[in-house]
C-alpha atoms as a PDB file:
ATOM      1  CA  MET A   1     -17.480 -28.309 -26.227  1.00  0.00           C
ATOM      2  CA  ALA A   2     -19.126 -24.653 -25.744  1.00  0.00           C
ATOM      3  CA  GLU A   3     -17.571 -24.448 -22.333  1.00  0.00           C
ATOM      4  CA  THR A   4     -13.831 -25.604 -23.864  1.00  0.00           C
ATOM      5  CA  SER A   5     -14.117 -22.688 -26.223  1.00  0.00           C
ATOM      6  CA  GLN A   6     -15.570 -20.186 -23.616  1.00  0.00           C
ATOM      7  CA  GLN A   7     -12.762 -21.307 -21.122  1.00  0.00           C
ATOM      8  CA  ARG A   8     -10.282 -21.213 -23.909  1.00  0.00           C
ATOM      9  CA  ALA A   9     -11.398 -17.601 -24.644  1.00  0.00           C
ATOM     10  CA  VAL A  10     -10.980 -16.545 -21.046  1.00  0.00           C
ATOM     11  CA  THR A  11      -7.520 -17.962 -20.610  1.00  0.00           C
ATOM     12  CA  ALA A  12      -6.081 -16.607 -23.715  1.00  0.00           C
ATOM     13  CA  ALA A  13      -3.206 -14.273 -23.812  1.00  0.00           C
ATOM     14  CA  PHE A  14      -5.401 -11.752 -25.331  1.00  0.00           C
ATOM     15  CA  PRO A  15      -8.957 -12.613 -24.720  1.00  0.00           C
ATOM     16  CA  PRO A  16     -11.923 -10.929 -26.404  1.00  0.00           C
ATOM     17  CA  PRO A  17     -14.164  -8.431 -24.579  1.00  0.00           C
ATOM     18  CA  PRO A  18     -17.087 -10.030 -22.475  1.00  0.00           C
ATOM     19  CA  PRO A  19     -20.401 -10.247 -24.917  1.00  0.00           C
ATOM     20  CA  PHE A  20     -22.073  -7.979 -22.295  1.00  0.00           C
ATOM     21  CA  TRP A  21     -20.134  -4.830 -23.445  1.00  0.00           C
ATOM     22  CA  ARG A  22     -22.422  -4.403 -26.126  1.00  0.00           C
ATOM     23  CA  HIS A  23     -25.144  -3.155 -23.561  1.00  0.00           C
ATOM     24  CA  PHE A  24     -22.670  -0.414 -22.280  1.00  0.00           C
ATOM     25  CA  THR A  25     -24.432   2.461 -24.383  1.00  0.00           C
ATOM     26  CA  SER A  26     -25.477   5.949 -23.891  1.00  0.00           C
ATOM     27  CA  GLN A  27     -29.058   5.048 -24.082  1.00  0.00           C
ATOM     28  CA  ASN A  28     -28.956   2.409 -21.499  1.00  0.00           C
ATOM     29  CA  LEU A  29     -26.794   4.512 -19.109  1.00  0.00           C
ATOM     30  CA  GLU A  30     -29.296   7.149 -19.445  1.00  0.00           C
ATOM     31  CA  LYS A  31     -32.066   4.659 -18.771  1.00  0.00           C
ATOM     32  CA  LEU A  32     -30.104   3.442 -15.729  1.00  0.00           C
ATOM     33  CA  GLU A  33     -29.845   7.030 -14.221  1.00  0.00           C
ATOM     34  CA  GLU A  34     -33.803   7.427 -15.163  1.00  0.00           C
ATOM     35  CA  LEU A  35     -34.309   4.304 -13.114  1.00  0.00           C
ATOM     36  CA  LYS A  36     -32.391   5.876 -10.012  1.00  0.00           C
ATOM     37  CA  LYS A  37     -34.310   9.029  -9.996  1.00  0.00           C
ATOM     38  CA  GLN A  38     -37.421   7.173 -10.040  1.00  0.00           C
ATOM     39  CA  ALA A  39     -36.616   4.880  -7.226  1.00  0.00           C
ATOM     40  CA  GLY A  40     -35.224   7.789  -5.382  1.00  0.00           C
ATOM     41  CA  ASN A  41     -38.322   9.835  -5.705  1.00  0.00           C
ATOM     42  CA  LYS A  42     -40.264   6.863  -4.366  1.00  0.00           C
ATOM     43  CA  ASP A  43     -37.677   6.567  -1.319  1.00  0.00           C
ATOM     44  CA  GLY A  44     -38.299  10.158  -0.509  1.00  0.00           C
ATOM     45  CA  GLY A  45     -35.010  11.873  -1.770  1.00  0.00           C
ATOM     46  CA  HIS A  46     -31.374  10.965  -2.211  1.00  0.00           C
ATOM     47  CA  LYS A  47     -30.088   7.663  -1.996  1.00  0.00           C
ATOM     48  CA  ASP A  48     -26.571   5.918  -1.431  1.00  0.00           C
ATOM     49  CA  TRP A  49     -26.596   3.786  -4.815  1.00  0.00           C
ATOM     50  CA  THR A  50     -24.213   0.594  -3.603  1.00  0.00           C
ATOM     51  CA  PRO A  51     -24.181  -2.419  -5.888  1.00  0.00           C
ATOM     52  CA  GLU A  52     -26.681  -4.039  -3.651  1.00  0.00           C
ATOM     53  CA  ALA A  53     -29.328  -1.209  -3.953  1.00  0.00           C
ATOM     54  CA  LEU A  54     -28.878  -1.204  -7.701  1.00  0.00           C
ATOM     55  CA  ARG A  55     -28.992  -4.847  -7.775  1.00  0.00           C
ATOM     56  CA  ALA A  56     -32.323  -4.531  -5.872  1.00  0.00           C
ATOM     57  CA  LEU A  57     -33.854  -2.390  -8.760  1.00  0.00           C
ATOM     58  CA  GLU A  58     -36.199  -4.070 -11.128  1.00  0.00           C
ATOM     59  CA  ALA A  59     -34.266  -3.204 -14.165  1.00  0.00           C
ATOM     60  CA  PRO A  60     -34.660  -4.848 -17.397  1.00  0.00           C
ATOM     61  CA  PRO A  61     -31.957  -7.588 -18.230  1.00  0.00           C
ATOM     62  CA  GLU A  62     -30.090  -5.123 -20.557  1.00  0.00           C
ATOM     63  CA  LEU A  63     -29.596  -2.830 -17.682  1.00  0.00           C
ATOM     64  CA  ARG A  64     -28.607  -5.474 -14.981  1.00  0.00           C
ATOM     65  CA  PHE A  65     -25.078  -5.784 -16.795  1.00  0.00           C
ATOM     66  CA  LEU A  66     -24.573  -2.181 -16.002  1.00  0.00           C
ATOM     67  CA  VAL A  67     -24.593  -2.700 -11.975  1.00  0.00           C
ATOM     68  CA  PRO A  68     -20.871  -3.493 -10.931  1.00  0.00           C
ATOM     69  CA  PRO A  69     -20.476  -6.405  -9.037  1.00  0.00           C
ATOM     70  CA  ASP A  70     -19.058  -6.624  -5.513  1.00  0.00           C
ATOM     71  CA  HIS A  71     -15.369  -6.652  -4.960  1.00  0.00           C
ATOM     72  CA  PRO A  72     -13.881  -9.904  -3.834  1.00  0.00           C
ATOM     73  CA  SER A  73     -12.473 -10.437  -0.509  1.00  0.00           C
ATOM     74  CA  GLU A  74     -10.849 -13.400  -0.807  1.00  0.00           C
ATOM     75  CA  GLY A  75      -9.901 -16.276  -3.151  1.00  0.00           C
ATOM     76  CA  SER A  76      -8.048 -15.706  -6.565  1.00  0.00           C
ATOM     77  CA  TYR A  77      -8.861 -14.526 -10.223  1.00  0.00           C
ATOM     78  CA  SER A  78      -7.794 -15.189 -13.553  1.00  0.00           C
ATOM     79  CA  LEU A  79      -5.913 -12.365 -15.575  1.00  0.00           C
ATOM     80  CA  PHE A  80      -4.773 -13.225 -19.092  1.00  0.00           C
ATOM     81  CA  GLY A  81      -4.725 -16.927 -18.121  1.00  0.00           C
ATOM     82  CA  GLU A  82      -3.050 -16.521 -14.842  1.00  0.00           C
ATOM     83  CA  SER A  83      -4.312 -16.947 -11.343  1.00  0.00           C
ATOM     84  CA  GLN A  84      -3.867 -14.027  -9.428  1.00  0.00           C
ATOM     85  CA  ALA A  85      -4.535 -13.783  -5.570  1.00  0.00           C
ATOM     86  CA  VAL A  86      -6.962 -11.197  -4.475  1.00  0.00           C
ATOM     87  CA  SER A  87      -4.918 -10.372  -1.199  1.00  0.00           C
ATOM     88  CA  ILE A  88      -2.415  -7.627  -1.334  1.00  0.00           C
ATOM     89  CA  ASN A  89       0.131  -9.803   0.812  1.00  0.00           C
ATOM     90  CA  LEU A  90       3.101 -11.191  -1.022  1.00  0.00           C
ATOM     91  CA  PRO A  91       3.169 -15.318  -1.146  1.00  0.00           C
ATOM     92  CA  SER A  92       6.212 -16.514   0.292  1.00  0.00           C
ATOM     93  CA  LEU A  93       8.363 -18.555  -2.141  1.00  0.00           C
ATOM     94  CA  GLU A  94       7.863 -21.624  -0.291  1.00  0.00           C
ATOM     95  CA  GLU A  95       4.135 -21.281  -0.605  1.00  0.00           C
ATOM     96  CA  GLN A  96       4.687 -20.980  -4.334  1.00  0.00           C
ATOM     97  CA  GLY A  97       6.592 -24.351  -4.407  1.00  0.00           C
ATOM     98  CA  ILE A  98      10.000 -22.450  -5.341  1.00  0.00           C
ATOM     99  CA  GLU A  99      13.242 -23.040  -3.685  1.00  0.00           C
ATOM    100  CA  GLN A 100      14.659 -19.888  -1.530  1.00  0.00           C
ATOM    101  CA  LEU A 101      18.294 -19.287  -2.253  1.00  0.00           C
ATOM    102  CA  TYR A 102      18.512 -16.652   0.673  1.00  0.00           C
ATOM    103  CA  PRO A 103      18.030 -17.024   4.293  1.00  0.00           C
ATOM    104  CA  SER A 104      14.528 -16.345   5.761  1.00  0.00           C
ATOM    105  CA  PRO A 105      14.035 -13.409   8.274  1.00  0.00           C
ATOM    106  CA  PRO A 106      15.066 -13.951  11.803  1.00  0.00           C
ATOM    107  CA  HIS A 107      12.928 -15.716  14.157  1.00  0.00           C
ATOM    108  CA  GLY A 108      10.384 -13.167  15.705  1.00  0.00           C
ATOM    109  CA  ALA A 109      10.212 -10.561  12.719  1.00  0.00           C
ATOM    110  CA  GLU A 110       6.724  -9.106  12.087  1.00  0.00           C
ATOM    111  CA  SER A 111       5.728 -11.069   9.288  1.00  0.00           C
ATOM    112  CA  SER A 112       7.188 -13.158   6.388  1.00  0.00           C
ATOM    113  CA  GLN A 113       7.114 -10.269   4.398  1.00  0.00           C
ATOM    114  CA  SER A 114       9.965  -8.735   6.206  1.00  0.00           C
ATOM    115  CA  LEU A 115      13.345  -8.371   4.405  1.00  0.00           C
ATOM    116  CA  PRO A 116      16.350 -10.709   5.233  1.00  0.00           C
ATOM    117  CA  SER A 117      18.763  -8.564   7.628  1.00  0.00           C
ATOM    118  CA  ASN A 118      21.289  -8.155   4.472  1.00  0.00           C
ATOM    119  CA  HIS A 119      19.244  -8.290   1.563  1.00  0.00           C
ATOM    120  CA  ARG A 120      21.674  -6.121  -0.617  1.00  0.00           C
ATOM    121  CA  TYR A 121      24.280  -8.539  -0.001  1.00  0.00           C
ATOM    122  CA  TYR A 122      22.109 -11.576  -1.279  1.00  0.00           C
ATOM    123  CA  LEU A 123      20.782  -9.343  -4.256  1.00  0.00           C
ATOM    124  CA  LEU A 124      24.514  -8.905  -5.377  1.00  0.00           C
ATOM    125  CA  LYS A 125      25.369 -12.382  -4.806  1.00  0.00           C
ATOM    126  CA  ILE A 126      22.361 -13.557  -7.044  1.00  0.00           C
ATOM    127  CA  SER A 127      23.339 -11.254  -9.576  1.00  0.00           C
ATOM    128  CA  LYS A 128      26.628 -12.664  -9.934  1.00  0.00           C
ATOM    129  CA  SER A 129      25.509 -16.301  -9.668  1.00  0.00           C
ATOM    130  CA  LEU A 130      23.116 -15.246 -12.665  1.00  0.00           C
ATOM    131  CA  LEU A 131      26.250 -14.050 -14.651  1.00  0.00           C
ATOM    132  CA  LEU A 132      28.017 -17.243 -13.887  1.00  0.00           C
ATOM    133  CA  ASN A 133      25.105 -19.731 -14.691  1.00  0.00           C
ATOM    134  CA  PHE A 134      24.677 -17.845 -18.011  1.00  0.00           C
ATOM    135  CA  LEU A 135      28.275 -18.428 -18.763  1.00  0.00           C
ATOM    136  CA  GLU A 136      27.732 -22.051 -18.006  1.00  0.00           C
ATOM    137  CA  PHE A 137      24.433 -22.347 -19.802  1.00  0.00           C
ATOM    138  CA  VAL A 138      26.283 -21.120 -23.031  1.00  0.00           C
ATOM    139  CA  GLY A 139      28.780 -23.536 -22.446  1.00  0.00           C
ATOM    140  CA  ILE A 140      26.296 -26.309 -22.262  1.00  0.00           C
ATOM    141  CA  LEU A 141      24.754 -25.390 -25.398  1.00  0.00           C
ATOM    142  CA  SER A 142      28.009 -25.465 -27.449  1.00  0.00           C
ATOM    143  CA  ILE A 143      29.066 -28.562 -25.932  1.00  0.00           C
ATOM    144  CA  CYS A 144      25.883 -30.814 -25.197  1.00  0.00           C
ATOM    145  CA  PRO A 145      23.018 -28.713 -26.009  1.00  0.00           C
ATOM    146  CA  GLU A 146      20.489 -31.663 -25.057  1.00  0.00           C
ATOM    147  CA  GLN A 147      21.447 -31.050 -21.188  1.00  0.00           C
ATOM    148  CA  PHE A 148      20.213 -27.632 -21.206  1.00  0.00           C
ATOM    149  CA  GLU A 149      17.283 -27.861 -19.094  1.00  0.00           C
ATOM    150  CA  PRO A 150      18.647 -28.170 -15.391  1.00  0.00           C
ATOM    151  CA  LYS A 151      20.623 -24.982 -16.082  1.00  0.00           C
ATOM    152  CA  LEU A 152      17.825 -23.215 -17.371  1.00  0.00           C
ATOM    153  CA  GLU A 153      15.742 -23.936 -14.383  1.00  0.00           C
ATOM    154  CA  SER A 154      18.537 -22.882 -12.311  1.00  0.00           C
ATOM    155  CA  ILE A 155      18.557 -19.458 -14.038  1.00  0.00           C
ATOM    156  CA  ARG A 156      14.908 -19.083 -13.768  1.00  0.00           C
ATOM    157  CA  ASN A 157      15.021 -19.984  -9.981  1.00  0.00           C
ATOM    158  CA  LEU A 158      17.753 -17.313  -9.617  1.00  0.00           C
ATOM    159  CA  PHE A 159      15.606 -14.637 -11.201  1.00  0.00           C
ATOM    160  CA  ILE A 160      12.574 -15.458  -9.396  1.00  0.00           C
ATOM    161  CA  ASN A 161      14.447 -15.208  -6.124  1.00  0.00           C
ATOM    162  CA  ALA A 162      15.803 -11.794  -7.366  1.00  0.00           C
ATOM    163  CA  HIS A 163      12.443 -10.405  -8.290  1.00  0.00           C
ATOM    164  CA  HIS A 164      10.860 -11.827  -4.909  1.00  0.00           C
ATOM    165  CA  LEU A 165      13.495  -9.735  -2.934  1.00  0.00           C
ATOM    166  CA  LEU A 166      12.955  -6.753  -4.982  1.00  0.00           C
ATOM    167  CA  ASN A 167       8.927  -7.297  -4.208  1.00  0.00           C
ATOM    168  CA  LEU A 168       9.687  -7.374  -0.614  1.00  0.00           C
ATOM    169  CA  TYR A 169      11.337  -4.159  -0.745  1.00  0.00           C
ATOM    170  CA  ARG A 170       8.439  -2.387  -2.433  1.00  0.00           C
ATOM    171  CA  PRO A 171       6.486  -1.436   1.039  1.00  0.00           C
ATOM    172  CA  HIS A 172       9.595   0.287   2.250  1.00  0.00           C
ATOM    173  CA  GLN A 173      10.280   2.064  -1.279  1.00  0.00           C
ATOM    174  CA  ALA A 174       6.540   3.211  -1.091  1.00  0.00           C
ATOM    175  CA  ARG A 175       6.965   4.487   2.370  1.00  0.00           C
ATOM    176  CA  GLU A 176      10.207   6.563   1.295  1.00  0.00           C
ATOM    177  CA  SER A 177       8.544   8.014  -1.852  1.00  0.00           C
ATOM    178  CA  LEU A 178       5.726   9.218   0.110  1.00  0.00           C
ATOM    179  CA  ILE A 179       8.306  10.904   2.923  1.00  0.00           C
ATOM    180  CA  LEU A 180      10.011  12.528  -0.090  1.00  0.00           C
ATOM    181  CA  MET A 181       6.666  13.851  -1.567  1.00  0.00           C
ATOM    182  CA  MET A 182       5.517  15.296   1.603  1.00  0.00           C
ATOM    183  CA  GLU A 183       8.840  16.935   2.577  1.00  0.00           C
ATOM    184  CA  LYS A 184       8.762  18.387  -0.886  1.00  0.00           C
ATOM    185  CA  GLN A 185       5.242  19.585  -0.258  1.00  0.00           C
ATOM    186  CA  LEU A 186       6.221  21.190   3.188  1.00  0.00           C
ATOM    187  CA  GLU A 187       9.172  22.758   1.799  1.00  0.00           C
ATOM    188  CA  GLN A 188       6.903  24.196  -1.170  1.00  0.00           C
ATOM    189  CA  THR A 189       4.204  25.226   1.391  1.00  0.00           C
ATOM    190  CA  ARG A 190       7.181  27.089   3.450  1.00  0.00           C
ATOM    191  CA  GLU A 191       8.178  28.932   0.219  1.00  0.00           C
ATOM    192  CA  GLU A 192       4.901  30.122  -0.525  1.00  0.00           C
ATOM    193  CA  ILE A 193       4.432  31.474   3.375  1.00  0.00           C
ATOM    194  CA  LYS A 194       7.717  33.335   2.751  1.00  0.00           C
ATOM    195  CA  GLU A 195       6.288  34.942  -0.480  1.00  0.00           C
ATOM    196  CA  MET A 196       2.941  35.654   1.264  1.00  0.00           C
ATOM    197  CA  GLU A 197       4.997  37.318   4.277  1.00  0.00           C
ATOM    198  CA  SER A 198       7.417  39.295   1.723  1.00  0.00           C
ATOM    199  CA  VAL A 199       4.231  40.562  -0.208  1.00  0.00           C
ATOM    200  CA  LYS A 200       2.576  41.522   3.232  1.00  0.00           C
ATOM    201  CA  GLU A 201       5.720  43.453   4.412  1.00  0.00           C
ATOM    202  CA  LYS A 202       5.691  45.561   0.971  1.00  0.00           C
ATOM    203  CA  VAL A 203       1.824  46.012   1.440  1.00  0.00           C
ATOM    204  CA  GLU A 204       2.059  47.295   4.923  1.00  0.00           C
ATOM    205  CA  LYS A 205       4.917  49.558   4.146  1.00  0.00           C
ATOM    206  CA  PHE A 206       3.009  50.968   0.936  1.00  0.00           C
ATOM    207  CA  LEU A 207      -0.036  51.430   3.220  1.00  0.00           C
ATOM    208  CA  PHE A 208       2.019  53.247   5.940  1.00  0.00           C
ATOM    209  CA  GLN A 209       3.558  55.761   3.018  1.00  0.00           C
ATOM    210  CA  LEU A 210       0.146  56.347   1.561  1.00  0.00           C
ATOM    211  CA  GLU A 211      -0.861  57.099   5.227  1.00  0.00           C
ATOM    212  CA  THR A 212       2.187  59.599   5.647  1.00  0.00           C
ATOM    213  CA  ASP A 213       1.579  61.093   2.056  1.00  0.00           C
ATOM    214  CA  GLY A 214      -1.815  61.869   2.955  1.00  0.00           C
ATOM    215  CA  LYS A 215      -1.044  63.366   5.856  1.00  0.00           C
ATOM    216  CA  GLU A 216       1.509  65.657   4.118  1.00  0.00           C
ATOM    217  CA  GLN A 217      -0.861  66.564   1.421  1.00  0.00           C
ATOM    218  CA  ALA A 218      -3.475  67.747   4.030  1.00  0.00           C
ATOM    219  CA  GLU A 219      -0.700  69.838   5.639  1.00  0.00           C
ATOM    220  CA  LEU A 220       0.154  71.362   2.417  1.00  0.00           C
ATOM    221  CA  ALA A 221      -3.310  72.054   1.208  1.00  0.00           C
ATOM    222  CA  GLN A 222      -3.949  74.347   4.090  1.00  0.00           C
ATOM    223  CA  PRO A 223      -2.977  77.874   3.558  1.00  0.00           C
ATOM    224  CA  SER A 224       0.217  78.845   5.605  1.00  0.00           C
ATOM    225  CA  ARG A 225       1.055  82.565   6.631  1.00  0.00           C
ATOM    226  CA  ASP A 226       4.641  82.142   6.897  1.00  0.00           C
ATOM    227  CA  ILE A 227       5.250  80.541   3.462  1.00  0.00           C
ATOM    228  CA  PRO A 228       4.948  82.824   0.386  1.00  0.00           C
ATOM    229  CA  VAL A 229       2.690  81.616  -2.584  1.00  0.00           C
ATOM    230  CA  ASP A 230       5.879  81.494  -4.543  1.00  0.00           C
ATOM    231  CA  THR A 231       7.024  78.163  -2.766  1.00  0.00           C
ATOM    232  CA  ASP A 232       3.951  76.162  -4.127  1.00  0.00           C
ATOM    233  CA  ALA A 233       6.017  75.022  -7.210  1.00  0.00           C
ATOM    234  CA  GLY A 234       8.538  73.381  -4.901  1.00  0.00           C
ATOM    235  CA  ALA A 235       5.804  71.500  -2.935  1.00  0.00           C
ATOM    236  CA  LYS A 236       3.796  70.334  -6.247  1.00  0.00           C
ATOM    237  CA  GLU A 237       7.309  68.831  -7.595  1.00  0.00           C
ATOM    238  CA  GLN A 238       7.978  67.160  -4.271  1.00  0.00           C
ATOM    239  CA  ALA A 239       4.101  65.868  -4.305  1.00  0.00           C
ATOM    240  CA  LEU A 240       4.932  64.363  -7.719  1.00  0.00           C
ATOM    241  CA  GLU A 241       8.197  62.732  -6.762  1.00  0.00           C
ATOM    242  CA  GLU A 242       6.543  61.059  -3.986  1.00  0.00           C
ATOM    243  CA  ALA A 243       3.414  59.757  -6.471  1.00  0.00           C
ATOM    244  CA  ARG A 244       6.101  58.536  -8.917  1.00  0.00           C
ATOM    245  CA  SER A 245       8.043  56.712  -5.635  1.00  0.00           C
ATOM    246  CA  MET A 246       4.401  55.002  -4.713  1.00  0.00           C
ATOM    247  CA  TRP A 247       3.659  54.074  -8.545  1.00  0.00           C
ATOM    248  CA  GLN A 248       7.045  52.341  -8.411  1.00  0.00           C
ATOM    249  CA  LEU A 249       6.359  50.715  -5.126  1.00  0.00           C
ATOM    250  CA  ILE A 250       3.132  49.456  -6.534  1.00  0.00           C
ATOM    251  CA  ASP A 251       5.013  48.167  -9.779  1.00  0.00           C
ATOM    252  CA  GLU A 252       7.257  45.983  -7.149  1.00  0.00           C
ATOM    253  CA  ILE A 253       4.433  44.504  -5.230  1.00  0.00           C
ATOM    254  CA  SER A 254       2.494  43.372  -8.498  1.00  0.00           C
ATOM    255  CA  GLU A 255       5.795  42.027  -9.902  1.00  0.00           C
ATOM    256  CA  GLY A 256       6.432  40.155  -6.517  1.00  0.00           C
END
């Protein structure tokens, strides 16, 4: 009786959390970290704490639940009462015992995961068949409701076939999405490089202008026998104008 209730709890649509969730407390996590430090000091330093190494620790029972199990590599597992395969390969309709309504890929294809040669055509054909079967289903319900089951099974089979075709297209969709993302990142990087080159040119022009103005200021600072003293006002005005232009260039670089 206990096993039946436990199995019912695991396979329920919304099962309760496992009972060992109560052991995941802050105090137990701190105890586990302290146990790791002590074991690491005994081993002479840092240690890679794999699940096997954690299970090898002499931890009390309440801390053993904090050690993650190994990842399953084969078989299946139960998820909300439904069996899910560990393998990421999509099982064929034949393996699931479902009638396949579209032709298989041509002989010599890479695997059973390959799409048929004209999958878009078969998706459109299945969609039209769904509409027709739905109209027939409504007619059956209005005339002879007790004979609904065969037509409902046909509609279900059409939906499964369409869903399977779409799932076969997922790897191609993932590749295309990755290509678009990488192209976008590449274009963004190119734009950033162009902006950096533009700022570099502005900085080089600014430094060159600073060097030129510095030389001119040094020449103006030297007394000249040919230029009267009254012309210093014009030189000061020119220096102020050059300073204004330099500050304007600095503002443009900071805004860029």
